[in-house]
C-alpha atoms as a PDB file:
ATOM      1  CA  GLN A   1     -16.393   7.741  10.365  1.00  0.00           C
ATOM      2  CA  VAL A   2     -13.138   6.269   9.408  1.00  0.00           C
ATOM      3  CA  GLN A   3     -12.354   6.379   5.602  1.00  0.00           C
ATOM      4  CA  LEU A   4      -9.405   4.814   3.776  1.00  0.00           C
ATOM      5  CA  VAL A   5      -9.429   5.256   0.062  1.00  0.00           C
ATOM      6  CA  GLU A   6      -6.891   3.787  -2.205  1.00  0.00           C
ATOM      7  CA  SER A   7      -6.010   5.085  -5.709  1.00  0.00           C
ATOM      8  CA  GLY A   8      -3.262   4.732  -8.242  1.00  0.00           C
ATOM      9  CA  GLY A   9      -3.754   1.138  -9.291  1.00  0.00           C
ATOM     10  CA  GLY A  10      -4.137  -0.469 -12.858  1.00  0.00           C
ATOM     11  CA  LEU A  11      -2.264  -2.317 -15.487  1.00  0.00           C
ATOM     12  CA  VAL A  12       1.416  -2.151 -15.861  1.00  0.00           C
ATOM     13  CA  GLN A  13       4.110  -4.107 -17.737  1.00  0.00           C
ATOM     14  CA  PRO A  14       6.672  -6.313 -15.947  1.00  0.00           C
ATOM     15  CA  GLY A  15       9.586  -4.082 -14.788  1.00  0.00           C
ATOM     16  CA  GLY A  16       7.330  -0.949 -14.572  1.00  0.00           C
ATOM     17  CA  SER A  17       6.260   1.217 -11.725  1.00  0.00           C
ATOM     18  CA  LEU A  18       3.280   2.248 -10.004  1.00  0.00           C
ATOM     19  CA  ARG A  19       2.421   4.596  -7.046  1.00  0.00           C
ATOM     20  CA  LEU A  20      -0.508   3.813  -4.806  1.00  0.00           C
ATOM     21  CA  SER A  21      -1.970   6.449  -2.581  1.00  0.00           C
ATOM     22  CA  CYS A  22      -4.392   5.986   0.379  1.00  0.00           C
ATOM     23  CA  ALA A  23      -6.274   8.990   1.563  1.00  0.00           C
ATOM     24  CA  ALA A  24      -7.243   8.841   5.053  1.00  0.00           C
ATOM     25  CA  SER A  25      -9.914  10.510   7.115  1.00  0.00           C
ATOM     26  CA  GLY A  26     -12.003  10.103  10.355  1.00  0.00           C
ATOM     27  CA  PHE A  27      -9.055   9.262  12.753  1.00  0.00           C
ATOM     28  CA  PRO A  28      -5.820  10.709  13.972  1.00  0.00           C
ATOM     29  CA  PHE A  29      -3.734   9.882  10.933  1.00  0.00           C
ATOM     30  CA  SER A  30      -0.585  11.507  12.071  1.00  0.00           C
ATOM     31  CA  THR A  31      -0.284   9.474  15.302  1.00  0.00           C
ATOM     32  CA  SER A  32      -1.186   6.032  13.652  1.00  0.00           C
ATOM     33  CA  SER A  33       1.118   3.623  12.013  1.00  0.00           C
ATOM     34  CA  MET A  34      -0.073   2.479   8.623  1.00  0.00           C
ATOM     35  CA  SER A  35       0.263  -0.518   6.578  1.00  0.00           C
ATOM     36  CA  TRP A  36      -0.243  -1.910   3.121  1.00  0.00           C
ATOM     37  CA  TYR A  37      -1.448  -5.510   2.447  1.00  0.00           C
ATOM     38  CA  ARG A  38      -2.330  -7.358  -0.672  1.00  0.00           C
ATOM     39  CA  GLN A  39      -4.432 -10.301  -1.758  1.00  0.00           C
ATOM     40  CA  ALA A  40      -3.907 -12.217  -5.012  1.00  0.00           C
ATOM     41  CA  GLN A  41      -6.717 -14.335  -6.352  1.00  0.00           C
ATOM     42  CA  ARG A  42      -7.256 -17.441  -4.470  1.00  0.00           C
ATOM     43  CA  GLU A  43      -4.596 -16.489  -1.942  1.00  0.00           C
ATOM     44  CA  ALA A  44      -4.605 -15.267   1.664  1.00  0.00           C
ATOM     45  CA  ARG A  45      -4.166 -11.616   2.289  1.00  0.00           C
ATOM     46  CA  GLU A  46      -0.567 -10.887   3.126  1.00  0.00           C
ATOM     47  CA  PHE A  47       1.431  -7.997   4.686  1.00  0.00           C
ATOM     48  CA  VAL A  48       3.367  -5.810   2.250  1.00  0.00           C
ATOM     49  CA  ALA A  49       4.861  -2.901   4.294  1.00  0.00           C
ATOM     50  CA  ARG A  50       4.232  -0.808   7.491  1.00  0.00           C
ATOM     51  CA  ILE A  51       5.366   2.789   8.492  1.00  0.00           C
ATOM     52  CA  SER A  52       5.469   4.401  11.920  1.00  0.00           C
ATOM     53  CA  SER A  53       3.317   7.417  12.670  1.00  0.00           C
ATOM     54  CA  ALA A  54       6.091   9.882  11.981  1.00  0.00           C
ATOM     55  CA  GLY A  55       7.579   7.872   9.134  1.00  0.00           C
ATOM     56  CA  GLY A  56      10.898   7.102  10.602  1.00  0.00           C
ATOM     57  CA  ILE A  57      10.518   3.341  10.972  1.00  0.00           C
ATOM     58  CA  THR A  58       9.543   1.216   7.899  1.00  0.00           C
ATOM     59  CA  THR A  59       9.217  -2.422   7.612  1.00  0.00           C
ATOM     60  CA  TYR A  60       8.861  -4.684   4.229  1.00  0.00           C
ATOM     61  CA  ALA A  61       8.024  -8.159   3.458  1.00  0.00           C
ATOM     62  CA  ASP A  62      10.971  -9.956   1.907  1.00  0.00           C
ATOM     63  CA  SER A  63       9.159 -10.309  -1.288  1.00  0.00           C
ATOM     64  CA  VAL A  64       8.984  -6.480  -1.886  1.00  0.00           C
ATOM     65  CA  LYS A  65      12.191  -5.458  -0.070  1.00  0.00           C
ATOM     66  CA  GLY A  66      14.484  -3.189  -2.329  1.00  0.00           C
ATOM     67  CA  ARG A  67      11.599  -2.703  -4.754  1.00  0.00           C
ATOM     68  CA  PHE A  68       8.769  -1.099  -2.779  1.00  0.00           C
ATOM     69  CA  ILE A  69       8.796   2.080  -0.700  1.00  0.00           C
ATOM     70  CA  ILE A  70       6.256   3.060   1.811  1.00  0.00           C
ATOM     71  CA  SER A  71       6.008   6.586   2.709  1.00  0.00           C
ATOM     72  CA  ARG A  72       3.414   9.147   4.209  1.00  0.00           C
ATOM     73  CA  ASP A  73       2.388  12.859   4.251  1.00  0.00           C
ATOM     74  CA  ASN A  74       0.760  13.750   7.531  1.00  0.00           C
ATOM     75  CA  ALA A  75       0.018  17.111   6.422  1.00  0.00           C
ATOM     76  CA  LYS A  76      -2.200  15.568   3.542  1.00  0.00           C
ATOM     77  CA  ASN A  77      -3.404  12.531   5.610  1.00  0.00           C
ATOM     78  CA  THR A  78      -2.060  10.355   2.848  1.00  0.00           C
ATOM     79  CA  LEU A  79      -0.175   7.025   2.673  1.00  0.00           C
ATOM     80  CA  TYR A  80       1.927   5.932  -0.291  1.00  0.00           C
ATOM     81  CA  LEU A  81       3.309   2.971  -1.830  1.00  0.00           C
ATOM     82  CA  GLN A  82       5.864   3.372  -4.573  1.00  0.00           C
ATOM     83  CA  MET A  83       6.181   0.061  -6.446  1.00  0.00           C
ATOM     84  CA  ASN A  84       9.179  -0.200  -8.796  1.00  0.00           C
ATOM     85  CA  SER A  85      10.626  -3.308 -10.777  1.00  0.00           C
ATOM     86  CA  LEU A  86       7.021  -4.912 -10.632  1.00  0.00           C
ATOM     87  CA  LYS A  87       6.663  -8.560 -11.389  1.00  0.00           C
ATOM     88  CA  PRO A  88       3.579 -10.420 -12.399  1.00  0.00           C
ATOM     89  CA  GLU A  89       3.571 -12.128  -9.018  1.00  0.00           C
ATOM     90  CA  ASP A  90       2.869  -8.675  -7.644  1.00  0.00           C
ATOM     91  CA  THR A  91      -0.634  -8.807  -9.169  1.00  0.00           C
ATOM     92  CA  ALA A  92      -3.197  -8.437  -6.428  1.00  0.00           C
ATOM     93  CA  VAL A  93      -5.645  -6.103  -4.772  1.00  0.00           C
ATOM     94  CA  TYR A  94      -3.830  -3.777  -2.482  1.00  0.00           C
ATOM     95  CA  TYR A  95      -5.249  -2.487   0.811  1.00  0.00           C
ATOM     96  CA  CYS A  96      -4.222   0.118   3.244  1.00  0.00           C
ATOM     97  CA  LYS A  97      -4.860  -0.474   6.943  1.00  0.00           C
ATOM     98  CA  ASP A  98      -4.573   1.472  10.087  1.00  0.00           C
ATOM     99  CA  GLY A  99      -4.703  -0.472  13.312  1.00  0.00           C
ATOM    100  CA  VAL A 100      -8.173  -1.595  12.792  1.00  0.00           C
ATOM    101  CA  TYR A 101      -9.787  -0.373   9.619  1.00  0.00           C
ATOM    102  CA  TRP A 102      -9.207  -1.440   5.873  1.00  0.00           C
ATOM    103  CA  GLY A 103      -9.626   0.457   2.766  1.00  0.00           C
ATOM    104  CA  GLN A 104     -11.854  -1.023  -0.016  1.00  0.00           C
ATOM    105  CA  GLY A 105      -8.743  -2.077  -2.041  1.00  0.00           C
ATOM    106  CA  ILE A 106      -7.346  -1.339  -5.393  1.00  0.00           C
ATOM    107  CA  GLN A 107      -6.477  -3.774  -8.233  1.00  0.00           C
ATOM    108  CA  VAL A 108      -2.776  -3.822  -9.407  1.00  0.00           C
ATOM    109  CA  THR A 109      -2.050  -6.025 -12.609  1.00  0.00           C
ATOM    110  CA  VAL A 110       1.391  -6.722 -13.827  1.00  0.00           C
ATOM    111  CA  SER A 111       1.333  -8.312 -17.215  1.00  0.00           C
ATOM    112  CA  SER A 112       2.600  -7.923 -20.616  1.00  0.00           C
END
């Protein structure tokens, strides 16, 4: 069955960096566009970034543009999100997603 497993979250100070990973299995990862979403407490889930199947096309939410980088390694069936210059407002549960399925999510907390 389809599995999307996020890792790499945690607590980081403002201005710091984290890299999230999403290990995918059970579907043709290399031919699927992939996305990251996030959901802060008491907020709706929101789009963060998307990457095309081959990695050549990326799209970002305005709130993370210039700070976050989405990438993928199709040989390893893994999606990444490099998050730099983190702000307290980036605190949320981060989810990876293919066209239909969601990962279980991972907490990112930005706080001093």
